[in-house]
N, C-alpha and C. Protein backbone atom coordinates (compact mmCIF):
# COMPACT_ATOMS: atom_id res chain seq x y z
N MET A 1 -10.22 -35.69 78.46
CA MET A 1 -9.14 -36.59 78.14
C MET A 1 -7.86 -36.04 78.76
N SER A 2 -7.08 -36.93 79.37
CA SER A 2 -5.86 -36.48 80.03
C SER A 2 -4.81 -36.06 79.01
N LYS A 3 -3.87 -35.26 79.48
CA LYS A 3 -2.80 -34.76 78.62
C LYS A 3 -1.98 -35.92 78.03
N VAL A 4 -1.72 -36.93 78.85
CA VAL A 4 -0.94 -38.08 78.38
C VAL A 4 -1.68 -38.81 77.26
N LYS A 5 -3.00 -39.02 77.45
CA LYS A 5 -3.79 -39.71 76.41
C LYS A 5 -3.82 -38.90 75.12
N VAL A 6 -3.94 -37.58 75.25
CA VAL A 6 -3.94 -36.73 74.06
C VAL A 6 -2.62 -36.86 73.34
N MET A 7 -1.52 -36.81 74.10
CA MET A 7 -0.19 -36.93 73.48
C MET A 7 -0.02 -38.28 72.79
N ARG A 8 -0.49 -39.35 73.43
CA ARG A 8 -0.39 -40.68 72.82
C ARG A 8 -1.20 -40.74 71.54
N THR A 9 -2.39 -40.17 71.57
CA THR A 9 -3.25 -40.16 70.39
C THR A 9 -2.58 -39.41 69.25
N ILE A 10 -2.02 -38.26 69.56
CA ILE A 10 -1.33 -37.47 68.53
C ILE A 10 -0.14 -38.23 67.98
N LYS A 11 0.66 -38.80 68.88
CA LYS A 11 1.84 -39.56 68.44
C LYS A 11 1.44 -40.71 67.52
N SER A 12 0.38 -41.42 67.90
CA SER A 12 -0.06 -42.56 67.09
C SER A 12 -0.62 -42.12 65.75
N ALA A 13 -1.35 -41.01 65.75
CA ALA A 13 -1.98 -40.54 64.52
C ALA A 13 -0.96 -39.97 63.54
N VAL A 14 0.02 -39.27 64.06
CA VAL A 14 1.00 -38.61 63.18
C VAL A 14 1.92 -39.64 62.54
N ALA A 15 2.54 -40.45 63.34
CA ALA A 15 3.48 -41.44 62.79
C ALA A 15 3.90 -42.41 63.86
N LYS A 16 4.27 -43.57 63.42
CA LYS A 16 4.84 -44.53 64.34
C LYS A 16 6.31 -44.18 64.54
N SER A 17 6.88 -44.70 65.59
CA SER A 17 8.29 -44.44 65.83
C SER A 17 9.12 -45.14 64.75
N PRO A 18 10.38 -44.80 64.64
CA PRO A 18 11.23 -45.42 63.62
C PRO A 18 11.29 -46.94 63.72
N ILE A 19 10.99 -47.49 64.89
CA ILE A 19 11.04 -48.94 65.05
C ILE A 19 9.70 -49.60 64.74
N GLY A 20 8.70 -48.80 64.37
CA GLY A 20 7.42 -49.36 63.94
C GLY A 20 6.46 -49.70 65.06
N LEU A 21 6.59 -49.03 66.19
CA LEU A 21 5.70 -49.30 67.32
C LEU A 21 5.23 -47.96 67.89
N SER A 22 3.94 -47.75 67.92
CA SER A 22 3.40 -46.50 68.46
C SER A 22 3.16 -46.65 69.96
N CYS A 23 2.86 -45.55 70.61
CA CYS A 23 2.54 -45.57 72.04
C CYS A 23 1.31 -46.45 72.29
N CYS A 24 0.32 -46.34 71.42
CA CYS A 24 -0.88 -47.17 71.56
C CYS A 24 -0.56 -48.65 71.39
N ASP A 25 0.35 -48.96 70.46
CA ASP A 25 0.77 -50.35 70.27
C ASP A 25 1.40 -50.89 71.55
N LEU A 26 2.26 -50.08 72.17
CA LEU A 26 2.91 -50.49 73.41
C LEU A 26 1.86 -50.72 74.49
N GLU A 27 0.93 -49.79 74.61
CA GLU A 27 -0.11 -49.90 75.63
C GLU A 27 -0.94 -51.18 75.44
N GLU A 28 -1.21 -51.54 74.21
CA GLU A 28 -1.99 -52.75 73.93
C GLU A 28 -1.22 -54.03 74.27
N ARG A 29 0.10 -53.97 74.23
CA ARG A 29 0.91 -55.17 74.45
C ARG A 29 1.56 -55.23 75.83
N VAL A 30 1.27 -54.26 76.69
CA VAL A 30 1.97 -54.18 77.97
C VAL A 30 1.79 -55.43 78.83
N ASP A 31 0.60 -55.98 78.89
CA ASP A 31 0.39 -57.20 79.69
C ASP A 31 1.24 -58.36 79.17
N ALA A 32 1.17 -58.59 77.89
CA ALA A 32 1.95 -59.69 77.30
C ALA A 32 3.44 -59.47 77.50
N TYR A 33 3.88 -58.22 77.41
CA TYR A 33 5.30 -57.90 77.61
C TYR A 33 5.72 -58.21 79.05
N LEU A 34 4.95 -57.73 80.01
CA LEU A 34 5.31 -57.93 81.41
C LEU A 34 5.17 -59.38 81.85
N GLU A 35 4.30 -60.12 81.19
CA GLU A 35 4.13 -61.54 81.52
C GLU A 35 5.08 -62.43 80.71
N ASN A 36 5.97 -61.80 79.96
CA ASN A 36 6.98 -62.51 79.17
C ASN A 36 6.35 -63.46 78.14
N GLU A 37 5.27 -63.00 77.51
CA GLU A 37 4.56 -63.80 76.53
C GLU A 37 4.90 -63.42 75.09
N LEU A 38 5.73 -62.41 74.91
CA LEU A 38 6.08 -61.96 73.57
C LEU A 38 7.40 -62.59 73.12
N GLY A 39 7.53 -62.70 71.81
CA GLY A 39 8.78 -63.18 71.25
C GLY A 39 9.86 -62.10 71.35
N TRP A 40 11.08 -62.50 71.09
CA TRP A 40 12.22 -61.59 71.20
C TRP A 40 12.06 -60.32 70.37
N PRO A 41 11.66 -60.40 69.09
CA PRO A 41 11.53 -59.17 68.29
C PRO A 41 10.52 -58.18 68.88
N ALA A 42 9.40 -58.68 69.34
CA ALA A 42 8.37 -57.80 69.91
C ALA A 42 8.86 -57.17 71.21
N LYS A 43 9.56 -57.94 72.03
CA LYS A 43 10.12 -57.39 73.27
C LYS A 43 11.12 -56.28 72.97
N MET A 44 11.96 -56.50 71.97
CA MET A 44 12.97 -55.50 71.63
C MET A 44 12.31 -54.21 71.12
N LYS A 45 11.24 -54.34 70.34
CA LYS A 45 10.54 -53.15 69.87
C LYS A 45 9.99 -52.34 71.03
N ILE A 46 9.41 -53.03 72.01
CA ILE A 46 8.87 -52.34 73.17
C ILE A 46 9.98 -51.67 73.95
N ARG A 47 11.06 -52.37 74.18
CA ARG A 47 12.19 -51.79 74.92
C ARG A 47 12.78 -50.59 74.20
N MET A 48 12.93 -50.69 72.90
CA MET A 48 13.49 -49.59 72.12
C MET A 48 12.54 -48.38 72.12
N HIS A 49 11.25 -48.65 71.95
CA HIS A 49 10.28 -47.55 71.96
C HIS A 49 10.30 -46.85 73.31
N ALA A 50 10.27 -47.63 74.39
CA ALA A 50 10.27 -47.05 75.73
C ALA A 50 11.55 -46.25 75.99
N ALA A 51 12.65 -46.70 75.43
CA ALA A 51 13.91 -45.97 75.60
C ALA A 51 13.87 -44.60 74.93
N MET A 52 13.04 -44.46 73.90
CA MET A 52 12.94 -43.19 73.17
C MET A 52 11.76 -42.34 73.60
N CYS A 53 10.84 -42.89 74.37
CA CYS A 53 9.58 -42.20 74.69
C CYS A 53 9.41 -42.10 76.22
N ARG A 54 9.53 -40.89 76.73
CA ARG A 54 9.39 -40.68 78.19
C ARG A 54 8.01 -41.08 78.68
N ASP A 55 6.98 -40.78 77.91
CA ASP A 55 5.62 -41.12 78.33
C ASP A 55 5.45 -42.63 78.51
N CYS A 56 5.97 -43.39 77.57
CA CYS A 56 5.84 -44.84 77.66
C CYS A 56 6.73 -45.43 78.74
N THR A 57 7.88 -44.82 78.97
CA THR A 57 8.74 -45.26 80.07
C THR A 57 7.99 -45.07 81.39
N SER A 58 7.38 -43.91 81.57
CA SER A 58 6.60 -43.64 82.78
C SER A 58 5.41 -44.59 82.89
N TYR A 59 4.75 -44.82 81.76
CA TYR A 59 3.60 -45.73 81.74
C TYR A 59 4.01 -47.14 82.17
N LEU A 60 5.11 -47.64 81.62
CA LEU A 60 5.58 -48.98 81.98
C LEU A 60 5.94 -49.07 83.46
N ARG A 61 6.60 -48.07 83.98
CA ARG A 61 6.96 -48.06 85.41
C ARG A 61 5.71 -48.06 86.28
N ALA A 62 4.77 -47.19 85.97
CA ALA A 62 3.54 -47.09 86.76
C ALA A 62 2.72 -48.37 86.66
N TYR A 63 2.62 -48.92 85.47
CA TYR A 63 1.85 -50.15 85.27
C TYR A 63 2.49 -51.30 86.05
N THR A 64 3.82 -51.39 85.98
CA THR A 64 4.53 -52.45 86.68
C THR A 64 4.36 -52.30 88.19
N ALA A 65 4.49 -51.09 88.70
CA ALA A 65 4.33 -50.85 90.14
C ALA A 65 2.92 -51.21 90.59
N THR A 66 1.92 -50.82 89.81
CA THR A 66 0.54 -51.13 90.15
C THR A 66 0.30 -52.63 90.15
N ARG A 67 0.80 -53.30 89.13
CA ARG A 67 0.65 -54.75 89.04
C ARG A 67 1.29 -55.43 90.24
N ASP A 68 2.49 -54.99 90.62
CA ASP A 68 3.20 -55.59 91.74
C ASP A 68 2.46 -55.36 93.06
N LEU A 69 1.90 -54.15 93.24
CA LEU A 69 1.13 -53.86 94.45
C LEU A 69 -0.12 -54.73 94.55
N VAL A 70 -0.81 -54.89 93.44
CA VAL A 70 -2.02 -55.72 93.43
C VAL A 70 -1.66 -57.16 93.76
N ARG A 71 -0.60 -57.66 93.15
CA ARG A 71 -0.18 -59.03 93.45
C ARG A 71 0.21 -59.20 94.91
N ALA A 72 0.91 -58.23 95.47
CA ALA A 72 1.30 -58.30 96.88
C ALA A 72 0.07 -58.27 97.79
N ALA A 73 -0.91 -57.44 97.45
CA ALA A 73 -2.13 -57.37 98.25
C ALA A 73 -2.89 -58.69 98.20
N ILE A 74 -2.97 -59.28 97.04
CA ILE A 74 -3.66 -60.57 96.90
C ILE A 74 -2.93 -61.64 97.68
N ARG A 75 -1.60 -61.65 97.58
CA ARG A 75 -0.79 -62.63 98.29
C ARG A 75 -0.95 -62.46 99.81
N THR A 76 -0.93 -61.22 100.28
CA THR A 76 -1.08 -60.94 101.71
C THR A 76 -2.45 -61.39 102.19
N GLU A 77 -3.47 -61.09 101.40
CA GLU A 77 -4.83 -61.50 101.77
C GLU A 77 -4.94 -63.01 101.84
N ALA A 78 -4.34 -63.71 100.90
CA ALA A 78 -4.42 -65.17 100.87
C ALA A 78 -3.63 -65.80 102.02
N GLU A 79 -2.55 -65.15 102.44
CA GLU A 79 -1.71 -65.70 103.49
C GLU A 79 -2.29 -65.53 104.89
N GLY A 80 -3.09 -64.52 105.11
CA GLY A 80 -3.62 -64.35 106.45
C GLY A 80 -4.50 -63.13 106.59
N ALA A 81 -5.68 -63.23 106.09
CA ALA A 81 -6.59 -62.10 106.14
C ALA A 81 -7.06 -61.82 107.57
N ASP A 82 -6.92 -62.80 108.46
CA ASP A 82 -7.41 -62.64 109.82
C ASP A 82 -6.35 -62.10 110.78
N THR A 83 -5.17 -61.78 110.29
CA THR A 83 -4.12 -61.29 111.16
C THR A 83 -3.80 -59.83 110.88
N LEU A 84 -3.39 -59.13 111.92
CA LEU A 84 -2.97 -57.74 111.79
C LEU A 84 -1.45 -57.69 111.77
N PRO A 85 -0.91 -56.76 111.03
CA PRO A 85 0.54 -56.58 111.11
C PRO A 85 0.94 -56.24 112.55
N ASP A 86 2.12 -56.67 112.98
CA ASP A 86 2.57 -56.49 114.36
C ASP A 86 2.54 -55.05 114.82
N ASP A 87 2.98 -54.11 113.97
CA ASP A 87 3.02 -52.71 114.40
C ASP A 87 1.62 -52.16 114.66
N ILE A 88 0.64 -52.56 113.88
CA ILE A 88 -0.74 -52.10 114.10
C ILE A 88 -1.31 -52.72 115.37
N ALA A 89 -1.08 -54.01 115.56
CA ALA A 89 -1.57 -54.67 116.77
C ALA A 89 -0.95 -54.04 118.02
N ARG A 90 0.34 -53.73 117.97
CA ARG A 90 1.04 -53.11 119.10
C ARG A 90 0.43 -51.74 119.42
N LYS A 91 0.13 -50.93 118.39
CA LYS A 91 -0.46 -49.61 118.61
C LYS A 91 -1.85 -49.71 119.22
N ILE A 92 -2.62 -50.68 118.78
CA ILE A 92 -3.97 -50.87 119.33
C ILE A 92 -3.87 -51.24 120.81
N LEU A 93 -2.96 -52.14 121.14
CA LEU A 93 -2.80 -52.55 122.54
C LEU A 93 -2.30 -51.39 123.41
N GLU A 94 -1.39 -50.58 122.87
CA GLU A 94 -0.88 -49.42 123.62
C GLU A 94 -2.01 -48.44 123.90
N ARG A 95 -2.83 -48.18 122.93
CA ARG A 95 -3.96 -47.25 123.12
C ARG A 95 -4.95 -47.81 124.13
N LYS A 96 -5.18 -49.10 124.07
CA LYS A 96 -6.13 -49.73 124.99
C LYS A 96 -5.61 -49.62 126.42
N LYS A 97 -4.31 -49.82 126.63
CA LYS A 97 -3.71 -49.72 127.96
C LYS A 97 -3.74 -48.30 128.50
N SER A 98 -3.55 -47.32 127.63
CA SER A 98 -3.49 -45.92 128.07
C SER A 98 -4.87 -45.35 128.38
N GLY A 99 -5.91 -46.03 128.04
CA GLY A 99 -7.25 -45.56 128.34
C GLY A 99 -7.79 -44.68 127.24
N PRO A 100 -9.03 -44.19 127.42
CA PRO A 100 -9.65 -43.38 126.39
C PRO A 100 -8.95 -42.03 126.22
N GLU A 101 -8.95 -41.54 124.99
CA GLU A 101 -8.36 -40.24 124.69
C GLU A 101 -9.30 -39.14 125.14
N ASP A 102 -8.77 -37.92 125.25
CA ASP A 102 -9.59 -36.78 125.63
C ASP A 102 -10.74 -36.61 124.64
N GLY A 103 -11.94 -36.47 125.15
CA GLY A 103 -13.09 -36.23 124.32
C GLY A 103 -13.72 -37.51 123.81
N ALA A 104 -13.11 -38.65 124.06
CA ALA A 104 -13.68 -39.91 123.59
C ALA A 104 -14.73 -40.38 124.58
N ALA A 105 -15.79 -40.96 124.09
CA ALA A 105 -16.86 -41.44 124.95
C ALA A 105 -16.67 -42.87 125.30
């Protein structure tokens, strides 16, 4: 078990934060929070908990970044899976023009 998971487990088992939301509670609601599906009171509890808990702040940032990367990858794939980015295509053409590299068959 990772150190972060152990810390979350301990925090949840010992006591909830003063606002009544544990790290595990935040983790369970992260999707609904990021998708703006929670009511105002629940959103405020998550924001307040994250403001007091470095682990949950890091978790929210990492989760958000991962979600955004996945969405961007899906969007890119849907927009043109058959095309190469210009910089990659340019490098391939440059290598092709320069001929085979040393040791290449």
